[in-house]
Amino acid sequence: MNTTLLKKGISAGLPIGLGYLSVSFTFGIMATSAGLSWWQALLISMLNLTSAGQLAGINIMIHPMQYIEMLIAQLTINIRYSFMSVSLSQKTDDSFKMKDRWILGAFVTDEIFGVAVTEKSVNKYFFWGLTILPYIGWASGTLIGALLGNVLPDIILNALNIALYAMFIAIIIPEAKKSVAITVVSLIAVGLSCMFYFVPMLSNISSGITICICAIVATGIGAVFFPIKEDDPLETVETKE
């Protein structure tokens, strides 16, 4: 075992773990508020490790027998992790065997990917270290939030319930300032979501399907009107030379 790379990964994962601790705390509260027990909330976080997917999953789970909707919603929300894993696999070294890819692929999140992809070469011991504290932070925060959800007064619970949404806003706003495309796509998604909430006929559509429709339509419009142009291979070669 390469303890140096393991320690380097743990150090890099510490800020992510602390951030996950506070965010998942809110998820634990929301889960128990929706009627789940503390151990069910904890199990969800231990097996999923995806904030948006878990939030959407809770809204669907409180309405039984919507398995197809759950499948579609989770596939739509979490498909980005597949692309992240494919991208990251191009940087892994020989220490990554097939079993390591299968296991560690489950721990790929936006933040973990963002740190790992900056490495010139990703060693499995570094990646193990990178995932340890974020995983513990996410699970621990969920557990604490789920247990305190039955103790804290309603006024505090209602205030904490917006923390997860605040996290999403904090992620979107800085990127939206840099890109007109992201701003437009985000506004389209917001507009569609409001439409599905306020329009009488559309408000009857379940939350899982609504999320899927908003995400697909908004990103589809973005892909059509704001396509990302790839560099010409010939120009790239000439530049390198």
C-alpha atoms as a PDB file:
ATOM      1  CA  MET A   1       0.000   0.000   0.000  1.00  0.00           C
ATOM      2  CA  ASN A   2       1.273   3.439  -0.955  1.00  0.00           C
ATOM      3  CA  THR A   3       0.647   5.349   2.285  1.00  0.00           C
ATOM      4  CA  THR A   4       2.022   8.606   0.861  1.00  0.00           C
ATOM      5  CA  LEU A   5      -0.589   8.745  -1.900  1.00  0.00           C
ATOM      6  CA  LEU A   6      -3.277   7.577   0.526  1.00  0.00           C
ATOM      7  CA  LYS A   7      -2.486  10.452   2.901  1.00  0.00           C
ATOM      8  CA  LYS A   8      -2.397  12.892  -0.011  1.00  0.00           C
ATOM      9  CA  GLY A   9      -5.863  11.740  -1.052  1.00  0.00           C
ATOM     10  CA  ILE A  10      -7.226  12.033   2.489  1.00  0.00           C
ATOM     11  CA  SER A  11      -5.863  15.565   2.752  1.00  0.00           C
ATOM     12  CA  ALA A  12      -7.441  16.524  -0.578  1.00  0.00           C
ATOM     13  CA  GLY A  13     -10.780  15.022   0.472  1.00  0.00           C
ATOM     14  CA  LEU A  14     -11.002  16.805   3.834  1.00  0.00           C
ATOM     15  CA  PRO A  15     -12.684  20.019   2.527  1.00  0.00           C
ATOM     16  CA  ILE A  16     -15.158  17.934   0.517  1.00  0.00           C
ATOM     17  CA  GLY A  17     -15.988  15.839   3.571  1.00  0.00           C
ATOM     18  CA  LEU A  18     -16.685  18.921   5.682  1.00  0.00           C
ATOM     19  CA  GLY A  19     -18.918  20.348   2.978  1.00  0.00           C
ATOM     20  CA  TYR A  20     -20.820  17.087   2.610  1.00  0.00           C
ATOM     21  CA  LEU A  21     -21.335  16.920   6.370  1.00  0.00           C
ATOM     22  CA  SER A  22     -23.333  20.141   6.404  1.00  0.00           C
ATOM     23  CA  VAL A  23     -25.296  19.465   3.219  1.00  0.00           C
ATOM     24  CA  SER A  24     -26.266  15.876   4.068  1.00  0.00           C
ATOM     25  CA  PHE A  25     -27.398  17.073   7.502  1.00  0.00           C
ATOM     26  CA  THR A  26     -30.217  18.855   5.714  1.00  0.00           C
ATOM     27  CA  PHE A  27     -30.970  15.769   3.630  1.00  0.00           C
ATOM     28  CA  GLY A  28     -31.351  13.699   6.805  1.00  0.00           C
ATOM     29  CA  ILE A  29     -33.873  16.179   8.155  1.00  0.00           C
ATOM     30  CA  MET A  30     -35.808  16.205   4.887  1.00  0.00           C
ATOM     31  CA  ALA A  31     -35.867  12.398   4.769  1.00  0.00           C
ATOM     32  CA  THR A  32     -37.361  12.008   8.242  1.00  0.00           C
ATOM     33  CA  SER A  33     -39.776  14.855   7.572  1.00  0.00           C
ATOM     34  CA  ALA A  34     -41.019  12.878   4.553  1.00  0.00           C
ATOM     35  CA  GLY A  35     -41.752   9.889   6.775  1.00  0.00           C
ATOM     36  CA  LEU A  36     -38.581   7.805   6.461  1.00  0.00           C
ATOM     37  CA  SER A  37     -36.868   6.398   9.540  1.00  0.00           C
ATOM     38  CA  TRP A  38     -33.335   7.419  10.499  1.00  0.00           C
ATOM     39  CA  TRP A  39     -31.816   4.133   9.334  1.00  0.00           C
ATOM     40  CA  GLN A  40     -33.571   4.350   5.974  1.00  0.00           C
ATOM     41  CA  ALA A  41     -32.177   7.856   5.431  1.00  0.00           C
ATOM     42  CA  LEU A  42     -28.700   6.649   6.419  1.00  0.00           C
ATOM     43  CA  LEU A  43     -28.915   3.624   4.111  1.00  0.00           C
ATOM     44  CA  ILE A  44     -29.905   5.833   1.184  1.00  0.00           C
ATOM     45  CA  SER A  45     -26.860   8.071   1.687  1.00  0.00           C
ATOM     46  CA  MET A  46     -24.513   5.117   2.140  1.00  0.00           C
ATOM     47  CA  LEU A  47     -25.673   3.443  -1.073  1.00  0.00           C
ATOM     48  CA  ASN A  48     -26.200   6.486  -3.328  1.00  0.00           C
ATOM     49  CA  LEU A  49     -23.931   9.425  -2.467  1.00  0.00           C
ATOM     50  CA  THR A  50     -25.790  11.813  -4.764  1.00  0.00           C
ATOM     51  CA  SER A  51     -27.495  14.912  -3.400  1.00  0.00           C
ATOM     52  CA  ALA A  52     -29.810  15.740  -6.312  1.00  0.00           C
ATOM     53  CA  GLY A  53     -30.692  12.096  -6.907  1.00  0.00           C
ATOM     54  CA  GLN A  54     -31.516  11.507  -3.255  1.00  0.00           C
ATOM     55  CA  LEU A  55     -33.635  14.631  -3.051  1.00  0.00           C
ATOM     56  CA  ALA A  56     -35.638  13.585  -6.103  1.00  0.00           C
ATOM     57  CA  GLY A  57     -35.816  10.021  -4.796  1.00  0.00           C
ATOM     58  CA  ILE A  58     -37.465  11.061  -1.540  1.00  0.00           C
ATOM     59  CA  ASN A  59     -40.214  12.913  -3.355  1.00  0.00           C
ATOM     60  CA  ILE A  60     -40.933   9.818  -5.427  1.00  0.00           C
ATOM     61  CA  MET A  61     -40.653   7.257  -2.617  1.00  0.00           C
ATOM     62  CA  ILE A  62     -43.395   8.861  -0.555  1.00  0.00           C
ATOM     63  CA  HIS A  63     -45.749   7.857  -3.380  1.00  0.00           C
ATOM     64  CA  PRO A  64     -45.562   4.016  -3.604  1.00  0.00           C
ATOM     65  CA  MET A  65     -45.429   1.937  -6.791  1.00  0.00           C
ATOM     66  CA  GLN A  66     -43.675   4.560  -8.919  1.00  0.00           C
ATOM     67  CA  TYR A  67     -40.659   2.403  -9.758  1.00  0.00           C
ATOM     68  CA  ILE A  68     -40.491   3.300 -13.442  1.00  0.00           C
ATOM     69  CA  GLU A  69     -40.595   6.981 -12.560  1.00  0.00           C
ATOM     70  CA  MET A  70     -37.814   6.449 -10.030  1.00  0.00           C
ATOM     71  CA  LEU A  71     -35.691   4.709 -12.662  1.00  0.00           C
ATOM     72  CA  ILE A  72     -36.187   7.462 -15.244  1.00  0.00           C
ATOM     73  CA  ALA A  73     -35.569  10.268 -12.750  1.00  0.00           C
ATOM     74  CA  GLN A  74     -32.374   8.758 -11.342  1.00  0.00           C
ATOM     75  CA  LEU A  75     -31.041   7.913 -14.792  1.00  0.00           C
ATOM     76  CA  THR A  76     -31.660  11.462 -15.982  1.00  0.00           C
ATOM     77  CA  ILE A  77     -30.174  13.137 -12.918  1.00  0.00           C
ATOM     78  CA  ASN A  78     -27.158  10.883 -12.438  1.00  0.00           C
ATOM     79  CA  ILE A  79     -26.148  10.130 -16.025  1.00  0.00           C
ATOM     80  CA  ARG A  80     -23.427  12.772 -15.709  1.00  0.00           C
ATOM     81  CA  TYR A  81     -21.508  10.505 -13.345  1.00  0.00           C
ATOM     82  CA  SER A  82     -21.090   7.998 -16.165  1.00  0.00           C
ATOM     83  CA  PHE A  83     -19.410  10.627 -18.333  1.00  0.00           C
ATOM     84  CA  MET A  84     -17.241  11.730 -15.406  1.00  0.00           C
ATOM     85  CA  SER A  85     -16.135   8.141 -14.844  1.00  0.00           C
ATOM     86  CA  VAL A  86     -15.278   7.670 -18.520  1.00  0.00           C
ATOM     87  CA  SER A  87     -13.243  10.877 -18.485  1.00  0.00           C
ATOM     88  CA  LEU A  88     -11.491   9.958 -15.252  1.00  0.00           C
ATOM     89  CA  SER A  89     -10.673   6.455 -16.479  1.00  0.00           C
ATOM     90  CA  GLN A  90      -8.357   8.030 -19.069  1.00  0.00           C
ATOM     91  CA  LYS A  91      -6.133   9.317 -16.257  1.00  0.00           C
ATOM     92  CA  THR A  92      -5.960   6.223 -14.027  1.00  0.00           C
ATOM     93  CA  ASP A  93      -2.644   4.398 -13.803  1.00  0.00           C
ATOM     94  CA  ASP A  94      -1.866   0.672 -13.844  1.00  0.00           C
ATOM     95  CA  SER A  95      -2.772   0.297 -10.162  1.00  0.00           C
ATOM     96  CA  PHE A  96      -6.462   0.500 -11.129  1.00  0.00           C
ATOM     97  CA  LYS A  97      -7.605  -3.045 -11.793  1.00  0.00           C
ATOM     98  CA  MET A  98     -11.097  -3.906 -13.004  1.00  0.00           C
ATOM     99  CA  LYS A  99     -12.385  -4.554  -9.463  1.00  0.00           C
ATOM    100  CA  ASP A 100     -11.070  -1.142  -8.357  1.00  0.00           C
ATOM    101  CA  ARG A 101     -12.917   0.553 -11.191  1.00  0.00           C
ATOM    102  CA  TRP A 102     -16.171  -1.187 -10.266  1.00  0.00           C
ATOM    103  CA  ILE A 103     -15.888  -0.281  -6.588  1.00  0.00           C
ATOM    104  CA  LEU A 104     -14.444   3.229  -6.775  1.00  0.00           C
ATOM    105  CA  GLY A 105     -16.753   4.221  -9.627  1.00  0.00           C
ATOM    106  CA  ALA A 106     -19.589   4.324  -7.087  1.00  0.00           C
ATOM    107  CA  PHE A 107     -17.820   7.150  -5.230  1.00  0.00           C
ATOM    108  CA  VAL A 108     -17.511   9.550  -8.157  1.00  0.00           C
ATOM    109  CA  THR A 109     -19.268  12.836  -7.379  1.00  0.00           C
ATOM    110  CA  ASP A 110     -18.925  16.319  -8.851  1.00  0.00           C
ATOM    111  CA  GLU A 111     -16.459  17.449  -6.177  1.00  0.00           C
ATOM    112  CA  ILE A 112     -14.424  14.229  -6.054  1.00  0.00           C
ATOM    113  CA  PHE A 113     -14.175  14.216  -9.844  1.00  0.00           C
ATOM    114  CA  GLY A 114     -13.147  17.875  -9.829  1.00  0.00           C
ATOM    115  CA  VAL A 115     -10.201  17.146  -7.522  1.00  0.00           C
ATOM    116  CA  ALA A 116      -9.143  13.848  -9.099  1.00  0.00           C
ATOM    117  CA  VAL A 117      -9.171  15.133 -12.661  1.00  0.00           C
ATOM    118  CA  THR A 118      -6.571  17.793 -11.799  1.00  0.00           C
ATOM    119  CA  GLU A 119      -4.005  15.051 -11.135  1.00  0.00           C
ATOM    120  CA  LYS A 120      -1.652  14.107 -13.951  1.00  0.00           C
ATOM    121  CA  SER A 121      -2.182  10.448 -13.101  1.00  0.00           C
ATOM    122  CA  VAL A 122      -4.717   9.002 -10.665  1.00  0.00           C
ATOM    123  CA  ASN A 123      -3.480   6.201  -8.448  1.00  0.00           C
ATOM    124  CA  LYS A 124      -6.001   3.923  -6.736  1.00  0.00           C
ATOM    125  CA  TYR A 125      -4.563   4.642  -3.278  1.00  0.00           C
ATOM    126  CA  PHE A 126      -4.883   8.392  -3.857  1.00  0.00           C
ATOM    127  CA  PHE A 127      -8.477   7.906  -5.007  1.00  0.00           C
ATOM    128  CA  TRP A 128      -9.292   5.684  -2.017  1.00  0.00           C
ATOM    129  CA  GLY A 129      -7.985   8.402   0.282  1.00  0.00           C
ATOM    130  CA  LEU A 130      -9.869  11.068  -1.632  1.00  0.00           C
ATOM    131  CA  THR A 131     -13.204   9.267  -1.171  1.00  0.00           C
ATOM    132  CA  ILE A 132     -12.919   8.260   2.506  1.00  0.00           C
ATOM    133  CA  LEU A 133     -13.748  11.553   4.245  1.00  0.00           C
ATOM    134  CA  PRO A 134     -16.431  12.682   1.748  1.00  0.00           C
ATOM    135  CA  TYR A 135     -18.198   9.330   2.178  1.00  0.00           C
ATOM    136  CA  ILE A 136     -17.964   9.473   5.972  1.00  0.00           C
ATOM    137  CA  GLY A 137     -19.048  13.126   5.964  1.00  0.00           C
ATOM    138  CA  TRP A 138     -22.063  12.438   3.767  1.00  0.00           C
ATOM    139  CA  ALA A 139     -23.226   9.427   5.785  1.00  0.00           C
ATOM    140  CA  SER A 140     -22.522  11.034   9.166  1.00  0.00           C
ATOM    141  CA  GLY A 141     -24.295  14.264   8.262  1.00  0.00           C
ATOM    142  CA  THR A 142     -27.345  12.305   7.121  1.00  0.00           C
ATOM    143  CA  LEU A 143     -27.427  10.334  10.362  1.00  0.00           C
ATOM    144  CA  ILE A 144     -27.127  13.436  12.547  1.00  0.00           C
ATOM    145  CA  GLY A 145     -29.794  15.263  10.567  1.00  0.00           C
ATOM    146  CA  ALA A 146     -32.146  12.279  10.656  1.00  0.00           C
ATOM    147  CA  LEU A 147     -31.794  11.896  14.422  1.00  0.00           C
ATOM    148  CA  LEU A 148     -32.153  15.611  15.162  1.00  0.00           C
ATOM    149  CA  GLY A 149     -35.106  15.865  12.800  1.00  0.00           C
ATOM    150  CA  ASN A 150     -37.307  14.467  15.543  1.00  0.00           C
ATOM    151  CA  VAL A 151     -35.899  16.809  18.196  1.00  0.00           C
ATOM    152  CA  LEU A 152     -35.476  20.251  16.642  1.00  0.00           C
ATOM    153  CA  PRO A 153     -38.473  22.613  16.575  1.00  0.00           C
ATOM    154  CA  ASP A 154     -40.375  23.077  13.308  1.00  0.00           C
ATOM    155  CA  ILE A 155     -39.168  26.648  12.792  1.00  0.00           C
ATOM    156  CA  ILE A 156     -35.546  25.464  12.680  1.00  0.00           C
ATOM    157  CA  LEU A 157     -36.387  22.475  10.480  1.00  0.00           C
ATOM    158  CA  ASN A 158     -38.140  24.709   7.978  1.00  0.00           C
ATOM    159  CA  ALA A 159     -35.125  27.002   7.862  1.00  0.00           C
ATOM    160  CA  LEU A 160     -32.691  24.121   7.379  1.00  0.00           C
ATOM    161  CA  ASN A 161     -34.793  22.590   4.615  1.00  0.00           C
ATOM    162  CA  ILE A 162     -33.679  25.317   2.220  1.00  0.00           C
ATOM    163  CA  ALA A 163     -29.962  24.564   2.739  1.00  0.00           C
ATOM    164  CA  LEU A 164     -29.858  21.895   0.037  1.00  0.00           C
ATOM    165  CA  TYR A 165     -31.479  24.249  -2.461  1.00  0.00           C
ATOM    166  CA  ALA A 166     -29.045  26.965  -1.409  1.00  0.00           C
ATOM    167  CA  MET A 167     -26.171  24.594  -2.230  1.00  0.00           C
ATOM    168  CA  PHE A 168     -27.491  24.105  -5.765  1.00  0.00           C
ATOM    169  CA  ILE A 169     -27.839  27.867  -6.204  1.00  0.00           C
ATOM    170  CA  ALA A 170     -24.280  28.362  -4.933  1.00  0.00           C
ATOM    171  CA  ILE A 171     -23.065  25.908  -7.566  1.00  0.00           C
ATOM    172  CA  ILE A 172     -25.033  27.463 -10.438  1.00  0.00           C
ATOM    173  CA  ILE A 173     -24.516  31.211  -9.847  1.00  0.00           C
ATOM    174  CA  PRO A 174     -20.688  31.339 -10.228  1.00  0.00           C
ATOM    175  CA  GLU A 175     -20.849  29.286 -13.435  1.00  0.00           C
ATOM    176  CA  ALA A 176     -23.783  31.308 -14.764  1.00  0.00           C
ATOM    177  CA  LYS A 177     -21.727  34.497 -14.357  1.00  0.00           C
ATOM    178  CA  LYS A 178     -19.051  33.015 -16.623  1.00  0.00           C
ATOM    179  CA  SER A 179     -21.339  31.652 -19.336  1.00  0.00           C
ATOM    180  CA  VAL A 180     -24.420  33.055 -21.084  1.00  0.00           C
ATOM    181  CA  ALA A 181     -25.327  29.509 -22.134  1.00  0.00           C
ATOM    182  CA  ILE A 182     -25.488  28.262 -18.536  1.00  0.00           C
ATOM    183  CA  THR A 183     -27.517  31.324 -17.530  1.00  0.00           C
ATOM    184  CA  VAL A 184     -30.067  30.775 -20.295  1.00  0.00           C
ATOM    185  CA  VAL A 185     -30.346  27.022 -19.695  1.00  0.00           C
ATOM    186  CA  SER A 186     -30.771  27.579 -15.952  1.00  0.00           C
ATOM    187  CA  LEU A 187     -33.494  30.179 -16.510  1.00  0.00           C
ATOM    188  CA  ILE A 188     -35.303  27.872 -18.924  1.00  0.00           C
ATOM    189  CA  ALA A 189     -35.237  25.071 -16.338  1.00  0.00           C
ATOM    190  CA  VAL A 190     -36.542  27.453 -13.658  1.00  0.00           C
ATOM    191  CA  GLY A 191     -39.300  28.697 -15.953  1.00  0.00           C
ATOM    192  CA  LEU A 192     -40.389  25.163 -16.849  1.00  0.00           C
ATOM    193  CA  SER A 193     -40.364  24.130 -13.194  1.00  0.00           C
ATOM    194  CA  CYS A 194     -42.564  27.083 -12.265  1.00  0.00           C
ATOM    195  CA  MET A 195     -44.898  26.240 -15.117  1.00  0.00           C
ATOM    196  CA  PHE A 196     -45.303  22.660 -13.893  1.00  0.00           C
ATOM    197  CA  TYR A 197     -45.956  23.949 -10.392  1.00  0.00           C
ATOM    198  CA  PHE A 198     -48.458  26.727 -11.078  1.00  0.00           C
ATOM    199  CA  VAL A 199     -50.356  25.621 -14.202  1.00  0.00           C
ATOM    200  CA  PRO A 200     -53.362  23.550 -12.983  1.00  0.00           C
ATOM    201  CA  MET A 201     -53.186  20.759 -15.589  1.00  0.00           C
ATOM    202  CA  LEU A 202     -49.405  20.408 -15.365  1.00  0.00           C
ATOM    203  CA  SER A 203     -49.283  20.559 -11.574  1.00  0.00           C
ATOM    204  CA  ASN A 204     -50.799  17.066 -11.436  1.00  0.00           C
ATOM    205  CA  ILE A 205     -47.669  15.578 -13.008  1.00  0.00           C
ATOM    206  CA  SER A 206     -45.444  13.905 -10.406  1.00  0.00           C
ATOM    207  CA  SER A 207     -42.213  15.553  -9.291  1.00  0.00           C
ATOM    208  CA  GLY A 208     -39.949  12.855 -10.730  1.00  0.00           C
ATOM    209  CA  ILE A 209     -41.327  13.191 -14.254  1.00  0.00           C
ATOM    210  CA  THR A 210     -41.297  16.980 -13.909  1.00  0.00           C
ATOM    211  CA  ILE A 211     -37.578  16.969 -13.056  1.00  0.00           C
ATOM    212  CA  CYS A 212     -36.828  14.750 -16.058  1.00  0.00           C
ATOM    213  CA  ILE A 213     -38.808  16.933 -18.475  1.00  0.00           C
ATOM    214  CA  CYS A 214     -37.271  20.181 -17.224  1.00  0.00           C
ATOM    215  CA  ALA A 215     -33.747  18.782 -17.367  1.00  0.00           C
ATOM    216  CA  ILE A 216     -34.069  17.233 -20.837  1.00  0.00           C
ATOM    217  CA  VAL A 217     -35.865  20.188 -22.446  1.00  0.00           C
ATOM    218  CA  ALA A 218     -33.557  22.836 -20.934  1.00  0.00           C
ATOM    219  CA  THR A 219     -30.339  20.995 -21.831  1.00  0.00           C
ATOM    220  CA  GLY A 220     -31.715  20.118 -25.272  1.00  0.00           C
ATOM    221  CA  ILE A 221     -32.365  23.785 -26.034  1.00  0.00           C
ATOM    222  CA  GLY A 222     -28.908  24.622 -24.735  1.00  0.00           C
ATOM    223  CA  ALA A 223     -27.297  22.004 -26.974  1.00  0.00           C
ATOM    224  CA  VAL A 224     -29.101  23.372 -30.041  1.00  0.00           C
ATOM    225  CA  PHE A 225     -28.531  27.087 -29.501  1.00  0.00           C
ATOM    226  CA  PHE A 226     -25.250  27.004 -27.553  1.00  0.00           C
ATOM    227  CA  PRO A 227     -23.236  24.062 -28.953  1.00  0.00           C
ATOM    228  CA  ILE A 228     -19.708  23.579 -27.673  1.00  0.00           C
ATOM    229  CA  LYS A 229     -17.344  23.805 -30.634  1.00  0.00           C
ATOM    230  CA  GLU A 230     -14.496  21.344 -30.680  1.00  0.00           C
ATOM    231  CA  ASP A 231     -11.046  22.501 -31.717  1.00  0.00           C
ATOM    232  CA  ASP A 232      -9.940  21.566 -35.176  1.00  0.00           C
ATOM    233  CA  PRO A 233      -7.514  18.592 -34.815  1.00  0.00           C
ATOM    234  CA  LEU A 234      -5.168  20.105 -37.388  1.00  0.00           C
ATOM    235  CA  GLU A 235      -5.027  23.399 -35.532  1.00  0.00           C
ATOM    236  CA  THR A 236      -4.366  21.556 -32.273  1.00  0.00           C
ATOM    237  CA  VAL A 237      -1.427  19.692 -33.782  1.00  0.00           C
ATOM    238  CA  GLU A 238       0.045  22.860 -35.253  1.00  0.00           C
ATOM    239  CA  THR A 239      -0.245  24.605 -31.892  1.00  0.00           C
ATOM    240  CA  LYS A 240       1.562  21.789 -30.100  1.00  0.00           C
ATOM    241  CA  GLU A 241       4.331  21.862 -32.678  1.00  0.00           C
END
